[in-house]
N, C-alpha and C. Protein backbone atom coordinates (compact mmCIF):
# COMPACT_ATOMS: atom_id res chain seq x y z
N UNK A 1 115.04 76.82 56.48
CA UNK A 1 114.47 76.54 55.18
C UNK A 1 115.48 75.73 54.37
N UNK A 2 115.04 74.60 53.86
CA UNK A 2 115.93 73.79 53.04
C UNK A 2 115.98 74.35 51.62
N UNK A 3 117.11 74.19 50.98
CA UNK A 3 117.29 74.69 49.61
C UNK A 3 116.46 73.86 48.66
N UNK A 4 115.82 74.53 47.73
CA UNK A 4 115.02 73.85 46.73
C UNK A 4 115.69 74.00 45.37
N UNK A 5 115.54 73.00 44.55
CA UNK A 5 116.09 73.04 43.20
C UNK A 5 115.23 73.95 42.34
N UNK A 6 115.86 74.50 41.28
CA UNK A 6 115.11 75.28 40.32
C UNK A 6 114.54 74.34 39.26
N UNK A 7 113.33 74.64 38.84
CA UNK A 7 112.66 73.81 37.84
C UNK A 7 113.34 73.96 36.49
N UNK A 8 113.00 73.05 35.59
CA UNK A 8 113.53 73.12 34.23
C UNK A 8 113.11 74.43 33.56
N UNK A 9 111.91 74.93 33.88
CA UNK A 9 111.46 76.20 33.31
C UNK A 9 112.40 77.34 33.70
N UNK A 10 112.84 77.37 34.94
CA UNK A 10 113.74 78.45 35.36
C UNK A 10 115.12 78.30 34.74
N UNK A 11 115.57 77.09 34.55
CA UNK A 11 116.86 76.87 33.88
C UNK A 11 116.76 77.35 32.44
N UNK A 12 115.67 77.01 31.76
CA UNK A 12 115.45 77.46 30.38
C UNK A 12 115.32 78.97 30.33
N UNK A 13 114.61 79.56 31.31
CA UNK A 13 114.44 81.00 31.35
C UNK A 13 115.80 81.70 31.47
N UNK A 14 116.68 81.15 32.26
CA UNK A 14 118.01 81.75 32.41
C UNK A 14 118.76 81.74 31.08
N UNK A 15 118.66 80.64 30.35
CA UNK A 15 119.31 80.56 29.04
C UNK A 15 118.71 81.58 28.08
N UNK A 16 117.37 81.70 28.06
CA UNK A 16 116.72 82.69 27.21
C UNK A 16 117.11 84.11 27.60
N UNK A 17 117.19 84.35 28.90
CA UNK A 17 117.55 85.67 29.39
C UNK A 17 118.97 86.03 28.98
N UNK A 18 119.89 85.10 29.09
CA UNK A 18 121.28 85.35 28.68
C UNK A 18 121.35 85.66 27.19
N UNK A 19 120.61 84.90 26.38
CA UNK A 19 120.58 85.14 24.93
C UNK A 19 120.01 86.52 24.63
N UNK A 20 118.92 86.86 25.29
CA UNK A 20 118.28 88.16 25.08
C UNK A 20 119.23 89.30 25.45
N UNK A 21 119.92 89.16 26.56
CA UNK A 21 120.87 90.19 26.99
C UNK A 21 122.04 90.30 26.01
N UNK A 22 122.53 89.17 25.52
CA UNK A 22 123.63 89.20 24.55
C UNK A 22 123.21 89.91 23.27
N UNK A 23 121.99 89.64 22.81
CA UNK A 23 121.49 90.28 21.59
C UNK A 23 121.30 91.77 21.77
N UNK A 24 120.90 92.18 22.96
CA UNK A 24 120.57 93.58 23.19
C UNK A 24 121.78 94.42 23.57
N UNK A 25 122.89 93.79 23.87
CA UNK A 25 124.06 94.51 24.36
C UNK A 25 124.51 95.61 23.40
N UNK A 26 124.28 95.42 22.11
CA UNK A 26 124.72 96.43 21.14
C UNK A 26 123.76 97.62 21.06
N UNK A 27 122.54 97.47 21.53
CA UNK A 27 121.58 98.57 21.41
C UNK A 27 121.28 99.27 22.73
N UNK A 28 121.20 98.57 23.82
CA UNK A 28 120.99 99.21 25.11
C UNK A 28 121.56 98.34 26.22
N UNK A 29 121.77 98.97 27.36
CA UNK A 29 122.43 98.25 28.45
C UNK A 29 121.52 97.15 29.00
N UNK A 30 122.16 96.19 29.68
CA UNK A 30 121.42 95.07 30.23
C UNK A 30 120.65 95.49 31.48
N UNK A 31 119.47 94.99 31.62
CA UNK A 31 118.63 95.23 32.80
C UNK A 31 118.03 93.90 33.21
N UNK A 32 118.72 93.22 34.09
CA UNK A 32 118.42 91.84 34.46
C UNK A 32 116.98 91.46 34.72
N UNK A 33 116.27 92.17 35.61
CA UNK A 33 114.94 91.71 35.98
C UNK A 33 113.95 91.86 34.83
N UNK A 34 114.12 92.89 34.02
CA UNK A 34 113.24 93.06 32.88
C UNK A 34 113.45 91.93 31.87
N UNK A 35 114.72 91.59 31.60
CA UNK A 35 115.00 90.50 30.68
C UNK A 35 114.50 89.18 31.26
N UNK A 36 114.60 89.04 32.57
CA UNK A 36 114.11 87.85 33.24
C UNK A 36 112.60 87.69 32.98
N UNK A 37 111.86 88.79 33.14
CA UNK A 37 110.41 88.78 32.93
C UNK A 37 110.07 88.47 31.47
N UNK A 38 110.76 89.12 30.55
CA UNK A 38 110.50 88.91 29.13
C UNK A 38 110.80 87.46 28.75
N UNK A 39 111.90 86.93 29.23
CA UNK A 39 112.25 85.53 28.95
C UNK A 39 111.22 84.59 29.53
N UNK A 40 110.73 84.90 30.74
CA UNK A 40 109.71 84.07 31.37
C UNK A 40 108.46 84.00 30.50
N UNK A 41 108.10 85.13 29.88
CA UNK A 41 106.89 85.17 29.07
C UNK A 41 107.02 84.33 27.80
N UNK A 42 108.25 83.97 27.42
CA UNK A 42 108.48 83.19 26.21
C UNK A 42 108.68 81.70 26.47
N UNK A 43 108.57 81.30 27.74
CA UNK A 43 108.75 79.88 28.07
C UNK A 43 107.61 79.03 27.51
N UNK A 44 107.93 77.94 26.83
CA UNK A 44 106.86 77.04 26.38
C UNK A 44 106.31 76.25 27.57
N UNK A 45 105.04 75.97 27.54
CA UNK A 45 104.39 75.18 28.59
C UNK A 45 104.63 75.75 29.98
N UNK A 46 104.47 77.06 30.10
CA UNK A 46 104.72 77.74 31.37
C UNK A 46 103.43 78.35 31.89
N UNK A 47 103.13 78.04 33.15
CA UNK A 47 101.94 78.62 33.78
C UNK A 47 102.10 80.13 33.92
N UNK A 48 103.31 80.59 34.28
CA UNK A 48 103.55 82.02 34.42
C UNK A 48 103.38 82.73 33.09
N UNK A 49 103.91 82.15 32.01
CA UNK A 49 103.77 82.75 30.68
C UNK A 49 102.30 82.83 30.27
N UNK A 50 101.55 81.78 30.58
CA UNK A 50 100.12 81.77 30.25
C UNK A 50 99.38 82.87 31.01
N UNK A 51 99.70 83.03 32.30
CA UNK A 51 99.04 84.09 33.09
C UNK A 51 99.42 85.47 32.58
N UNK A 52 100.67 85.67 32.21
CA UNK A 52 101.09 86.95 31.65
C UNK A 52 100.35 87.23 30.35
N UNK A 53 100.24 86.22 29.52
CA UNK A 53 99.54 86.38 28.24
C UNK A 53 98.07 86.73 28.46
N UNK A 54 97.44 86.08 29.43
CA UNK A 54 96.04 86.37 29.74
C UNK A 54 95.84 87.83 30.13
N UNK A 55 96.85 88.41 30.77
CA UNK A 55 96.77 89.81 31.19
C UNK A 55 97.22 90.78 30.10
N UNK A 56 97.58 90.25 28.92
CA UNK A 56 97.94 91.10 27.81
C UNK A 56 99.42 91.43 27.68
N UNK A 57 100.27 90.71 28.42
CA UNK A 57 101.71 90.94 28.33
C UNK A 57 102.24 90.33 27.04
N UNK A 58 103.06 91.08 26.34
CA UNK A 58 103.69 90.60 25.12
C UNK A 58 105.17 90.94 25.17
N UNK A 59 106.02 89.97 24.85
CA UNK A 59 107.45 90.22 24.91
C UNK A 59 107.87 91.29 23.90
N UNK A 60 107.20 91.35 22.76
CA UNK A 60 107.53 92.36 21.76
C UNK A 60 107.27 93.77 22.31
N UNK A 61 106.09 93.96 22.89
CA UNK A 61 105.76 95.27 23.48
C UNK A 61 106.71 95.60 24.63
N UNK A 62 107.03 94.59 25.41
CA UNK A 62 107.92 94.80 26.56
C UNK A 62 109.31 95.25 26.11
N UNK A 63 109.82 94.65 25.05
CA UNK A 63 111.14 95.05 24.55
C UNK A 63 111.13 96.49 24.03
N UNK A 64 110.06 96.87 23.35
CA UNK A 64 109.93 98.25 22.87
C UNK A 64 109.87 99.21 24.05
N UNK A 65 109.07 98.87 25.05
CA UNK A 65 108.94 99.72 26.25
C UNK A 65 110.26 99.80 27.00
N UNK A 66 110.96 98.71 27.09
CA UNK A 66 112.25 98.68 27.79
C UNK A 66 113.23 99.64 27.14
N UNK A 67 113.29 99.63 25.82
CA UNK A 67 114.19 100.53 25.13
C UNK A 67 113.76 101.98 25.30
N UNK A 68 112.45 102.24 25.29
CA UNK A 68 111.93 103.59 25.48
C UNK A 68 112.27 104.12 26.87
N UNK A 69 112.09 103.28 27.87
CA UNK A 69 112.31 103.69 29.26
C UNK A 69 113.79 103.81 29.59
N UNK A 70 114.57 102.83 29.19
CA UNK A 70 115.97 102.78 29.60
C UNK A 70 116.91 103.50 28.64
N UNK A 71 116.49 103.68 27.41
CA UNK A 71 117.32 104.42 26.48
C UNK A 71 118.43 103.60 25.85
N UNK A 72 119.20 104.26 25.05
CA UNK A 72 120.28 103.62 24.30
C UNK A 72 121.54 103.50 25.16
N UNK A 73 122.42 102.67 24.70
CA UNK A 73 123.70 102.45 25.37
C UNK A 73 124.54 103.71 25.33
N UNK A 74 125.12 104.07 26.45
CA UNK A 74 126.02 105.21 26.54
C UNK A 74 127.44 104.68 26.34
N UNK A 75 128.10 105.06 25.23
CA UNK A 75 129.43 104.51 24.97
C UNK A 75 130.47 104.95 26.00
N UNK A 76 130.21 106.03 26.76
CA UNK A 76 131.15 106.51 27.77
C UNK A 76 131.00 105.80 29.11
N UNK A 77 129.94 105.04 29.26
CA UNK A 77 129.68 104.34 30.52
C UNK A 77 130.27 102.93 30.43
N UNK A 78 130.98 102.50 31.47
CA UNK A 78 131.58 101.15 31.40
C UNK A 78 130.50 100.08 31.33
N UNK A 79 130.80 99.01 30.63
CA UNK A 79 129.85 97.90 30.53
C UNK A 79 129.68 97.24 31.89
N UNK A 80 128.48 96.71 32.16
CA UNK A 80 128.28 96.00 33.43
C UNK A 80 129.15 94.76 33.49
N UNK A 81 129.42 94.27 34.70
CA UNK A 81 130.22 93.05 34.81
C UNK A 81 129.56 91.90 34.06
N UNK A 82 130.35 90.93 33.70
CA UNK A 82 129.85 89.83 32.89
C UNK A 82 129.12 88.78 33.73
N UNK A 83 128.16 89.19 34.52
CA UNK A 83 127.36 88.23 35.27
C UNK A 83 125.99 88.17 34.65
N UNK A 84 125.33 87.05 34.82
CA UNK A 84 124.04 86.85 34.16
C UNK A 84 123.01 87.87 34.62
N UNK A 85 122.88 88.08 35.92
CA UNK A 85 121.87 88.98 36.45
C UNK A 85 122.47 89.88 37.52
N UNK A 86 121.81 90.98 37.77
CA UNK A 86 122.25 91.91 38.81
C UNK A 86 121.72 91.52 40.17
N UNK A 87 122.03 92.34 41.18
CA UNK A 87 121.63 92.02 42.56
C UNK A 87 120.13 91.91 42.76
N UNK A 88 119.34 92.74 42.08
CA UNK A 88 117.88 92.67 42.26
C UNK A 88 117.34 91.36 41.72
N UNK A 89 117.90 90.88 40.63
CA UNK A 89 117.47 89.60 40.07
C UNK A 89 117.73 88.47 41.07
N UNK A 90 118.88 88.51 41.71
CA UNK A 90 119.18 87.49 42.72
C UNK A 90 118.25 87.61 43.93
N UNK A 91 117.89 88.83 44.30
CA UNK A 91 116.91 89.01 45.39
C UNK A 91 115.59 88.36 45.01
N UNK A 92 115.17 88.54 43.76
CA UNK A 92 113.92 87.94 43.31
C UNK A 92 113.99 86.42 43.34
N UNK A 93 115.14 85.88 42.96
CA UNK A 93 115.30 84.42 43.00
C UNK A 93 115.24 83.90 44.43
N UNK A 94 115.83 84.64 45.37
CA UNK A 94 115.75 84.24 46.79
C UNK A 94 114.31 84.34 47.29
N UNK A 95 113.61 85.39 46.88
CA UNK A 95 112.20 85.54 47.28
C UNK A 95 111.36 84.41 46.69
N UNK A 96 111.66 84.03 45.45
CA UNK A 96 110.93 82.92 44.81
C UNK A 96 111.18 81.62 45.57
N UNK A 97 112.41 81.43 46.02
CA UNK A 97 112.73 80.23 46.79
C UNK A 97 111.96 80.22 48.11
N UNK A 98 111.85 81.38 48.75
CA UNK A 98 111.08 81.47 50.00
C UNK A 98 109.61 81.17 49.74
N UNK A 99 109.08 81.67 48.62
CA UNK A 99 107.68 81.40 48.28
C UNK A 99 107.47 79.90 48.02
N UNK A 100 108.43 79.27 47.37
CA UNK A 100 108.32 77.82 47.14
C UNK A 100 108.25 77.08 48.48
N UNK A 101 109.03 77.55 49.45
CA UNK A 101 108.96 76.94 50.79
C UNK A 101 107.63 77.18 51.46
N UNK A 102 107.13 78.41 51.34
CA UNK A 102 105.85 78.74 51.96
C UNK A 102 104.71 77.89 51.39
N UNK A 103 104.77 77.63 50.08
CA UNK A 103 103.71 76.85 49.45
C UNK A 103 104.06 75.36 49.37
N UNK A 104 105.13 74.95 50.06
CA UNK A 104 105.56 73.56 50.15
C UNK A 104 105.73 72.91 48.78
N UNK A 105 106.34 73.66 47.87
CA UNK A 105 106.59 73.16 46.53
C UNK A 105 107.90 72.37 46.51
N UNK A 106 107.97 71.40 45.62
CA UNK A 106 109.17 70.58 45.49
C UNK A 106 110.35 71.36 44.93
N UNK A 107 110.06 72.33 44.05
CA UNK A 107 111.12 73.11 43.43
C UNK A 107 110.65 74.54 43.21
N UNK A 108 111.58 75.41 42.93
CA UNK A 108 111.27 76.81 42.63
C UNK A 108 110.92 76.88 41.15
N UNK A 109 109.75 77.39 40.85
CA UNK A 109 109.28 77.42 39.48
C UNK A 109 109.03 78.85 39.02
N UNK A 110 108.68 79.00 37.75
CA UNK A 110 108.43 80.31 37.18
C UNK A 110 107.25 81.01 37.84
N UNK A 111 106.28 80.28 38.35
CA UNK A 111 105.14 80.88 39.04
C UNK A 111 105.62 81.56 40.33
N UNK A 112 106.53 80.92 41.05
CA UNK A 112 107.10 81.53 42.26
C UNK A 112 107.86 82.81 41.91
N UNK A 113 108.62 82.75 40.83
CA UNK A 113 109.40 83.92 40.42
C UNK A 113 108.49 85.07 39.98
N UNK A 114 107.45 84.77 39.24
CA UNK A 114 106.53 85.82 38.82
C UNK A 114 105.83 86.44 40.03
N UNK A 115 105.45 85.62 41.00
CA UNK A 115 104.85 86.15 42.22
C UNK A 115 105.85 87.05 42.96
N UNK A 116 107.10 86.64 43.01
CA UNK A 116 108.13 87.47 43.65
C UNK A 116 108.25 88.81 42.93
N UNK A 117 108.14 88.81 41.61
CA UNK A 117 108.21 90.05 40.83
C UNK A 117 107.03 90.96 41.15
N UNK A 118 105.82 90.41 41.14
CA UNK A 118 104.65 91.27 41.38
C UNK A 118 104.61 91.78 42.82
N UNK A 119 105.29 91.09 43.73
CA UNK A 119 105.31 91.53 45.12
C UNK A 119 106.49 92.45 45.44
N UNK A 120 107.33 92.75 44.45
CA UNK A 120 108.48 93.63 44.66
C UNK A 120 108.38 94.85 43.75
N UNK A 121 107.69 95.90 44.21
CA UNK A 121 107.47 97.08 43.35
C UNK A 121 108.74 97.84 43.00
N UNK A 122 109.86 97.54 43.66
CA UNK A 122 111.10 98.26 43.35
C UNK A 122 111.87 97.63 42.19
N UNK A 123 111.50 96.43 41.80
CA UNK A 123 112.24 95.77 40.72
C UNK A 123 111.86 96.38 39.37
N UNK A 124 112.82 96.34 38.46
CA UNK A 124 112.56 96.85 37.12
C UNK A 124 111.48 96.05 36.41
N UNK A 125 111.42 94.74 36.67
CA UNK A 125 110.39 93.90 36.05
C UNK A 125 109.00 94.34 36.49
N UNK A 126 108.84 94.65 37.77
CA UNK A 126 107.55 95.12 38.28
C UNK A 126 107.19 96.45 37.61
N UNK A 127 108.17 97.33 37.49
CA UNK A 127 107.94 98.63 36.85
C UNK A 127 107.55 98.45 35.38
N UNK A 128 108.14 97.47 34.73
CA UNK A 128 107.80 97.19 33.34
C UNK A 128 106.36 96.71 33.22
N UNK A 129 105.93 95.87 34.15
CA UNK A 129 104.52 95.43 34.17
C UNK A 129 103.59 96.63 34.31
N UNK A 130 103.95 97.57 35.18
CA UNK A 130 103.14 98.77 35.37
C UNK A 130 103.09 99.61 34.10
N UNK A 131 104.26 99.80 33.46
CA UNK A 131 104.31 100.59 32.22
C UNK A 131 103.44 99.99 31.12
N UNK A 132 103.34 98.67 31.12
CA UNK A 132 102.53 97.98 30.11
C UNK A 132 101.06 97.86 30.53
N UNK A 133 100.74 98.48 31.68
CA UNK A 133 99.37 98.52 32.21
C UNK A 133 98.79 97.13 32.48
N UNK A 134 99.65 96.26 33.00
CA UNK A 134 99.21 94.93 33.42
C UNK A 134 98.54 95.08 34.78
N UNK A 135 97.41 94.43 34.97
CA UNK A 135 96.68 94.49 36.24
C UNK A 135 97.42 93.62 37.26
N UNK A 136 98.32 94.26 37.99
CA UNK A 136 99.20 93.54 38.92
C UNK A 136 98.42 92.87 40.06
N UNK A 137 97.46 93.55 40.71
CA UNK A 137 96.71 92.85 41.77
C UNK A 137 95.96 91.62 41.26
N UNK A 138 95.40 91.71 40.06
CA UNK A 138 94.70 90.56 39.48
C UNK A 138 95.68 89.42 39.19
N UNK A 139 96.84 89.76 38.68
CA UNK A 139 97.87 88.77 38.40
C UNK A 139 98.34 88.11 39.69
N UNK A 140 98.54 88.90 40.73
CA UNK A 140 98.97 88.36 42.03
C UNK A 140 97.93 87.39 42.58
N UNK A 141 96.66 87.75 42.49
CA UNK A 141 95.59 86.89 42.97
C UNK A 141 95.58 85.56 42.23
N UNK A 142 95.75 85.61 40.91
CA UNK A 142 95.77 84.39 40.11
C UNK A 142 96.97 83.50 40.47
N UNK A 143 98.11 84.12 40.72
CA UNK A 143 99.31 83.36 41.10
C UNK A 143 99.14 82.69 42.45
N UNK A 144 98.64 83.45 43.43
CA UNK A 144 98.43 82.88 44.77
C UNK A 144 97.42 81.74 44.71
N UNK A 145 96.36 81.93 43.93
CA UNK A 145 95.34 80.88 43.79
C UNK A 145 95.97 79.62 43.20
N UNK A 146 96.77 79.81 42.17
CA UNK A 146 97.41 78.65 41.51
C UNK A 146 98.34 77.92 42.48
N UNK A 147 99.14 78.66 43.22
CA UNK A 147 100.06 78.04 44.17
C UNK A 147 99.31 77.37 45.32
N UNK A 148 98.24 77.99 45.77
CA UNK A 148 97.44 77.40 46.87
C UNK A 148 96.80 76.10 46.43
N UNK A 149 96.32 76.06 45.19
CA UNK A 149 95.70 74.84 44.68
C UNK A 149 96.72 73.71 44.56
N UNK A 150 97.95 74.06 44.16
CA UNK A 150 99.01 73.04 44.07
C UNK A 150 99.37 72.48 45.43
N UNK A 151 99.29 73.34 46.46
CA UNK A 151 99.67 72.93 47.82
C UNK A 151 98.65 71.98 48.43
N UNK A 152 97.41 72.07 47.97
CA UNK A 152 96.34 71.22 48.54
C UNK A 152 96.42 69.79 48.09
C-alpha cells in the first residue's frame, strides 16, 4: 500500500483538536479520539461533519458528555505526554489510510477517519457516539455509500 497524503480537512482537524485539548487541560484530562471526533464535527465544508450533524451529533453535547463520562482532572495523576494524540488515535489514522487505499482515494480525508471510528467499537470516539445515541449503523452505511460513489 502506498502512503497517501492527509487532506486539508484532516490537517485543520488536527489543529482544532490540539486547541481543544489545550483548552480542556485545566478541567479534565485529554482523550485523543474523542477530541478528534469533536474537532471533526466542527470542520467547515466537511462531508463527515455534515453526516454527523444529520445524525444529531453536536460538539457542545459531546463536550458535556465527555466531561460526564471521563470526569475531572486528578491532580495526583501525572499529565499525559505532550503528544497530540494517543495510540488509539494513531490506530484510527492508520485505519483511515487503509480505507483510503481500499476506496482508491487520492488522499486520506475526514470521511475515511469517521468510517474508521464507526468501525472501531473500542475507541473512545466510538463510545462517545454511542453515549450520544447516534445511529452508528446508519452512519456507517452513509459513509460507505459516499466513498463508493467517489470511487466510481
